[in-house]
Amino acid sequence: MKLQIKSKLFGNTMSDGSFIFLPIPAHYSKWELIPKKLDAINHPVWTGKRPKEQTEIAMFVDRFKKSR
């Protein structure tokens, strides 16, 4: 008896522009692998609308760089 394992190639684009490809078994559904959609155009990283804590950290880093 011959066992056939089917797999699909699953790819992601990372934030730095690189790609990651993973072979996954065919029995996984796309919803199990990607639980939510990411709106790349309106993402907080690109729009500058980050949570307050991240903004405070970025301001601290900017002040630290300017003081050096």
Protein backbone atom coordinates (compact mmCIF):
# COMPACT_ATOMS: atom_id res chain seq x y z
CA MET A 1 0.00 0.00 0.00
CA LYS A 2 1.37 3.36 -1.03
CA LEU A 3 0.75 6.38 1.17
CA GLN A 4 0.46 9.68 -0.63
CA ILE A 5 0.91 12.85 1.35
CA LYS A 6 -0.27 15.95 -0.39
CA SER A 7 1.11 19.29 0.64
CA LYS A 8 0.74 22.88 -0.44
CA LEU A 9 3.23 25.71 -0.51
CA PHE A 10 2.27 28.50 1.86
CA GLY A 11 3.99 31.87 1.49
CA ASN A 12 4.17 35.07 3.52
CA THR A 13 5.65 38.46 2.77
CA MET A 14 7.52 39.84 5.77
CA SER A 15 7.68 43.50 6.80
CA ASP A 16 11.23 43.89 5.42
CA GLY A 17 10.12 42.68 1.99
CA SER A 18 11.50 39.16 2.30
CA PHE A 19 9.46 36.05 1.62
CA ILE A 20 8.96 32.89 3.67
CA PHE A 21 7.61 29.72 2.08
CA LEU A 22 6.52 26.68 4.09
CA PRO A 23 5.26 23.35 2.79
CA ILE A 24 2.14 22.47 4.77
CA PRO A 25 -0.01 19.34 4.81
CA ALA A 26 -3.15 19.68 2.74
CA HIS A 27 -5.45 18.91 5.68
CA TYR A 28 -4.76 22.30 7.31
CA SER A 29 -7.26 24.92 6.34
CA LYS A 30 -6.31 28.47 5.51
CA TRP A 31 -8.39 29.73 8.46
CA GLU A 32 -6.26 27.72 10.89
CA LEU A 33 -3.08 29.25 9.52
CA ILE A 34 -4.27 32.86 9.19
CA PRO A 35 -6.69 33.68 12.00
CA LYS A 36 -7.12 37.33 10.98
CA LYS A 37 -6.54 39.51 7.96
CA LEU A 38 -3.96 42.26 8.04
CA ASP A 39 -4.80 45.55 6.38
CA ALA A 40 -1.37 46.48 5.04
CA ILE A 41 -2.43 49.90 3.74
CA ASN A 42 -3.92 51.11 7.03
CA HIS A 43 -1.52 49.31 9.37
CA PRO A 44 -0.43 51.42 12.39
CA VAL A 45 3.23 51.08 11.44
CA TRP A 46 2.65 52.87 8.12
CA THR A 47 0.04 55.41 9.27
CA GLY A 48 1.84 56.47 12.45
CA LYS A 49 -1.24 55.73 14.56
CA ARG A 50 0.42 53.43 17.04
CA PRO A 51 -0.62 52.77 20.63
CA LYS A 52 0.47 55.45 23.08
CA GLU A 53 3.12 53.23 24.67
CA GLN A 54 4.90 52.66 21.35
CA THR A 55 4.78 56.37 20.56
CA GLU A 56 6.36 57.21 23.92
CA ILE A 57 9.13 54.69 23.32
CA ALA A 58 9.79 56.13 19.86
CA MET A 59 9.93 59.66 21.31
CA PHE A 60 12.41 58.50 23.97
CA VAL A 61 14.64 56.88 21.35
CA ASP A 62 14.56 60.07 19.24
CA ARG A 63 15.52 62.21 22.24
CA PHE A 64 18.29 59.76 23.13
CA LYS A 65 19.70 59.89 19.58
CA LYS A 66 19.62 63.70 19.54
CA SER A 67 21.43 63.96 22.88
CA ARG A 68 24.39 61.89 21.66
